[in-house]
Amino acid sequence: MATGTILNALVFMLFFGLGTLPALFSLAFWGTRLSWQNKQAMRKLVPYVVGLTAILLIIRGLNLNIPYLSPFISERSADTVSCH
């Protein structure tokens, strides 16, 4: 992502970091409070979530013209854009 200036890049990364802090803190908080059984259940669930995500990404890339799931991507030729 091109931000144009170093200051814009700094501000972008600052707000990105601030935006991810709540998720990181909640993971750290709840990770220490899960019981052993819950951790085992999560370990069994993760491969299914990863597999489902992979299947959805593959279907999305097939260009099947299904709204929201696999939208049609037109095959227009790329035009060169000159910003200067």
N, C-alpha and C. Protein backbone atom coordinates (compact mmCIF):
# COMPACT_ATOMS: atom_id res chain seq x y z
N MET A 1 0.85 -1.17 0.00
CA MET A 1 0.00 0.00 0.00
C MET A 1 0.90 1.23 0.00
N ALA A 2 0.76 2.05 -0.99
CA ALA A 2 1.54 3.27 -1.09
C ALA A 2 0.81 4.40 -0.39
N THR A 3 1.48 5.02 0.57
CA THR A 3 0.84 6.10 1.31
C THR A 3 1.32 7.48 0.86
N GLY A 4 2.36 7.53 0.08
CA GLY A 4 2.81 8.82 -0.44
C GLY A 4 3.98 9.41 0.31
N THR A 5 3.86 9.50 1.62
CA THR A 5 4.95 10.09 2.41
C THR A 5 5.24 9.21 3.61
N ILE A 6 6.38 9.45 4.21
CA ILE A 6 6.76 8.68 5.40
C ILE A 6 5.80 8.99 6.55
N LEU A 7 5.38 10.23 6.66
CA LEU A 7 4.45 10.60 7.72
C LEU A 7 3.11 9.88 7.57
N ASN A 8 2.59 9.80 6.35
CA ASN A 8 1.34 9.07 6.12
C ASN A 8 1.51 7.59 6.43
N ALA A 9 2.66 7.02 6.09
CA ALA A 9 2.92 5.61 6.40
C ALA A 9 2.97 5.40 7.91
N LEU A 10 3.60 6.33 8.61
CA LEU A 10 3.69 6.24 10.06
C LEU A 10 2.32 6.30 10.70
N VAL A 11 1.49 7.22 10.26
CA VAL A 11 0.13 7.36 10.81
C VAL A 11 -0.69 6.12 10.50
N PHE A 12 -0.57 5.60 9.28
CA PHE A 12 -1.31 4.40 8.90
C PHE A 12 -0.92 3.23 9.80
N MET A 13 0.37 3.00 9.99
CA MET A 13 0.82 1.88 10.81
C MET A 13 0.44 2.08 12.28
N LEU A 14 0.46 3.32 12.75
CA LEU A 14 0.05 3.60 14.12
C LEU A 14 -1.40 3.20 14.34
N PHE A 15 -2.29 3.63 13.45
CA PHE A 15 -3.70 3.30 13.61
C PHE A 15 -3.97 1.81 13.36
N PHE A 16 -3.20 1.20 12.47
CA PHE A 16 -3.34 -0.25 12.26
C PHE A 16 -2.97 -0.99 13.55
N GLY A 17 -1.89 -0.59 14.17
CA GLY A 17 -1.48 -1.22 15.42
C GLY A 17 -2.49 -1.00 16.53
N LEU A 18 -3.01 0.21 16.64
CA LEU A 18 -4.04 0.49 17.65
C LEU A 18 -5.31 -0.31 17.39
N GLY A 19 -5.63 -0.53 16.12
CA GLY A 19 -6.83 -1.29 15.78
C GLY A 19 -6.71 -2.77 16.10
N THR A 20 -5.49 -3.30 16.07
CA THR A 20 -5.31 -4.73 16.36
C THR A 20 -5.10 -5.02 17.84
N LEU A 21 -4.81 -4.00 18.63
CA LEU A 21 -4.56 -4.23 20.06
C LEU A 21 -5.73 -4.90 20.79
N PRO A 22 -6.98 -4.50 20.59
CA PRO A 22 -8.07 -5.19 21.30
C PRO A 22 -8.13 -6.68 21.00
N ALA A 23 -7.91 -7.06 19.76
CA ALA A 23 -7.94 -8.48 19.42
C ALA A 23 -6.78 -9.22 20.08
N LEU A 24 -5.61 -8.63 20.07
CA LEU A 24 -4.45 -9.27 20.69
C LEU A 24 -4.62 -9.41 22.20
N PHE A 25 -5.12 -8.37 22.85
CA PHE A 25 -5.34 -8.44 24.29
C PHE A 25 -6.42 -9.46 24.64
N SER A 26 -7.48 -9.54 23.84
CA SER A 26 -8.53 -10.52 24.15
C SER A 26 -8.03 -11.94 23.95
N LEU A 27 -7.20 -12.18 22.93
CA LEU A 27 -6.62 -13.52 22.76
C LEU A 27 -5.73 -13.89 23.93
N ALA A 28 -4.92 -12.96 24.38
CA ALA A 28 -4.05 -13.24 25.52
C ALA A 28 -4.87 -13.48 26.79
N PHE A 29 -5.92 -12.70 26.97
CA PHE A 29 -6.76 -12.83 28.17
C PHE A 29 -7.49 -14.16 28.18
N TRP A 30 -8.18 -14.49 27.09
CA TRP A 30 -8.98 -15.71 27.06
C TRP A 30 -8.12 -16.96 26.89
N GLY A 31 -6.95 -16.83 26.32
CA GLY A 31 -6.07 -17.98 26.16
C GLY A 31 -5.61 -18.56 27.48
N THR A 32 -5.44 -17.72 28.47
CA THR A 32 -5.01 -18.21 29.78
C THR A 32 -6.18 -18.73 30.61
N ARG A 33 -7.40 -18.43 30.23
CA ARG A 33 -8.56 -18.82 31.02
C ARG A 33 -9.32 -20.03 30.46
N LEU A 34 -8.87 -20.54 29.32
CA LEU A 34 -9.54 -21.72 28.75
C LEU A 34 -9.10 -22.98 29.50
N SER A 35 -10.03 -23.87 29.71
CA SER A 35 -9.69 -25.13 30.35
C SER A 35 -9.00 -26.04 29.34
N TRP A 36 -8.42 -27.12 29.84
CA TRP A 36 -7.72 -28.07 28.99
C TRP A 36 -8.67 -28.68 27.96
N GLN A 37 -9.91 -28.98 28.35
CA GLN A 37 -10.88 -29.57 27.43
C GLN A 37 -11.23 -28.59 26.31
N ASN A 38 -11.38 -27.32 26.66
CA ASN A 38 -11.69 -26.32 25.63
C ASN A 38 -10.53 -26.14 24.66
N LYS A 39 -9.31 -26.21 25.16
CA LYS A 39 -8.14 -26.09 24.28
C LYS A 39 -8.08 -27.28 23.33
N GLN A 40 -8.39 -28.47 23.82
CA GLN A 40 -8.40 -29.65 22.96
C GLN A 40 -9.48 -29.53 21.89
N ALA A 41 -10.64 -29.03 22.27
CA ALA A 41 -11.73 -28.85 21.30
C ALA A 41 -11.33 -27.84 20.23
N MET A 42 -10.66 -26.78 20.62
CA MET A 42 -10.20 -25.78 19.66
C MET A 42 -9.19 -26.38 18.69
N ARG A 43 -8.29 -27.22 19.21
CA ARG A 43 -7.30 -27.86 18.34
C ARG A 43 -7.95 -28.78 17.32
N LYS A 44 -9.06 -29.41 17.70
CA LYS A 44 -9.78 -30.26 16.75
C LYS A 44 -10.57 -29.45 15.75
N LEU A 45 -11.00 -28.26 16.14
CA LEU A 45 -11.82 -27.41 15.28
C LEU A 45 -11.00 -26.66 14.23
N VAL A 46 -9.76 -26.32 14.55
CA VAL A 46 -8.93 -25.49 13.66
C VAL A 46 -8.77 -26.10 12.26
N PRO A 47 -8.48 -27.39 12.09
CA PRO A 47 -8.33 -27.91 10.72
C PRO A 47 -9.60 -27.77 9.88
N TYR A 48 -10.76 -27.89 10.51
CA TYR A 48 -12.02 -27.73 9.77
C TYR A 48 -12.23 -26.29 9.33
N VAL A 49 -11.89 -25.35 10.19
CA VAL A 49 -12.02 -23.93 9.84
C VAL A 49 -11.06 -23.58 8.71
N VAL A 50 -9.83 -24.07 8.78
CA VAL A 50 -8.85 -23.81 7.72
C VAL A 50 -9.31 -24.46 6.42
N GLY A 51 -9.82 -25.68 6.48
CA GLY A 51 -10.32 -26.35 5.28
C GLY A 51 -11.49 -25.63 4.66
N LEU A 52 -12.43 -25.18 5.48
CA LEU A 52 -13.59 -24.44 4.97
C LEU A 52 -13.15 -23.13 4.32
N THR A 53 -12.20 -22.45 4.94
CA THR A 53 -11.68 -21.21 4.36
C THR A 53 -11.02 -21.49 3.01
N ALA A 54 -10.25 -22.56 2.92
CA ALA A 54 -9.59 -22.92 1.66
C ALA A 54 -10.61 -23.22 0.57
N ILE A 55 -11.65 -23.97 0.91
CA ILE A 55 -12.70 -24.30 -0.08
C ILE A 55 -13.40 -23.03 -0.55
N LEU A 56 -13.73 -22.13 0.37
CA LEU A 56 -14.39 -20.88 -0.02
C LEU A 56 -13.50 -20.03 -0.92
N LEU A 57 -12.20 -19.98 -0.64
CA LEU A 57 -11.30 -19.20 -1.48
C LEU A 57 -11.15 -19.82 -2.87
N ILE A 58 -11.13 -21.14 -2.94
CA ILE A 58 -11.05 -21.80 -4.24
C ILE A 58 -12.32 -21.54 -5.04
N ILE A 59 -13.48 -21.68 -4.40
CA ILE A 59 -14.75 -21.41 -5.10
C ILE A 59 -14.80 -19.96 -5.56
N ARG A 60 -14.32 -19.05 -4.74
CA ARG A 60 -14.31 -17.63 -5.11
C ARG A 60 -13.44 -17.39 -6.34
N GLY A 61 -12.36 -18.10 -6.45
CA GLY A 61 -11.45 -17.93 -7.59
C GLY A 61 -11.92 -18.60 -8.86
N LEU A 62 -12.95 -19.44 -8.81
CA LEU A 62 -13.42 -20.15 -10.00
C LEU A 62 -14.25 -19.28 -10.94
N ASN A 63 -14.63 -18.09 -10.51
CA ASN A 63 -15.35 -17.15 -11.37
C ASN A 63 -16.68 -17.75 -11.85
N LEU A 64 -17.50 -18.25 -10.92
CA LEU A 64 -18.74 -18.94 -11.25
C LEU A 64 -19.95 -18.02 -11.39
N ASN A 65 -19.77 -16.74 -11.17
CA ASN A 65 -20.84 -15.75 -11.27
C ASN A 65 -21.96 -16.01 -10.25
N ILE A 66 -21.58 -16.38 -9.04
CA ILE A 66 -22.52 -16.54 -7.92
C ILE A 66 -22.32 -15.32 -7.02
N PRO A 67 -23.34 -14.47 -6.87
CA PRO A 67 -23.15 -13.25 -6.07
C PRO A 67 -22.62 -13.54 -4.67
N TYR A 68 -21.67 -12.75 -4.23
CA TYR A 68 -21.02 -12.79 -2.93
C TYR A 68 -20.13 -14.01 -2.71
N LEU A 69 -20.40 -15.13 -3.34
CA LEU A 69 -19.60 -16.33 -3.15
C LEU A 69 -18.50 -16.43 -4.19
N SER A 70 -18.85 -16.26 -5.45
CA SER A 70 -17.90 -16.34 -6.54
C SER A 70 -18.31 -15.35 -7.62
N PRO A 71 -18.10 -14.05 -7.38
CA PRO A 71 -18.56 -13.04 -8.34
C PRO A 71 -17.81 -13.12 -9.65
N PHE A 72 -18.48 -12.65 -10.71
CA PHE A 72 -17.87 -12.65 -12.04
C PHE A 72 -16.79 -11.58 -12.10
N ILE A 73 -15.63 -11.98 -12.58
CA ILE A 73 -14.53 -11.04 -12.76
C ILE A 73 -14.32 -10.87 -14.25
N SER A 74 -14.52 -9.65 -14.72
CA SER A 74 -14.37 -9.42 -16.16
C SER A 74 -12.91 -9.53 -16.55
N GLU A 75 -12.69 -9.94 -17.78
CA GLU A 75 -11.34 -10.15 -18.28
C GLU A 75 -10.92 -8.98 -19.17
N ARG A 76 -11.09 -7.79 -18.67
CA ARG A 76 -10.67 -6.61 -19.42
C ARG A 76 -9.16 -6.56 -19.50
N SER A 77 -8.68 -5.99 -20.56
CA SER A 77 -7.24 -5.81 -20.65
C SER A 77 -6.82 -4.70 -19.69
N ALA A 78 -5.69 -4.87 -19.11
CA ALA A 78 -5.20 -3.89 -18.15
C ALA A 78 -4.67 -2.67 -18.89
N ASP A 79 -5.12 -1.52 -18.47
CA ASP A 79 -4.62 -0.27 -19.04
C ASP A 79 -3.54 0.29 -18.13
N THR A 80 -2.54 0.85 -18.74
CA THR A 80 -1.48 1.48 -17.97
C THR A 80 -1.95 2.84 -17.49
N VAL A 81 -1.80 3.07 -16.19
CA VAL A 81 -2.21 4.34 -15.61
C VAL A 81 -0.96 5.12 -15.24
N SER A 82 -0.88 6.33 -15.73
CA SER A 82 0.24 7.19 -15.40
C SER A 82 -0.23 8.27 -14.44
N CYS A 83 0.36 8.33 -13.28
CA CYS A 83 -0.06 9.29 -12.26
C CYS A 83 0.63 10.64 -12.41
N HIS A 84 1.61 10.73 -13.29
CA HIS A 84 2.38 11.97 -13.40
C HIS A 84 2.18 12.61 -14.74
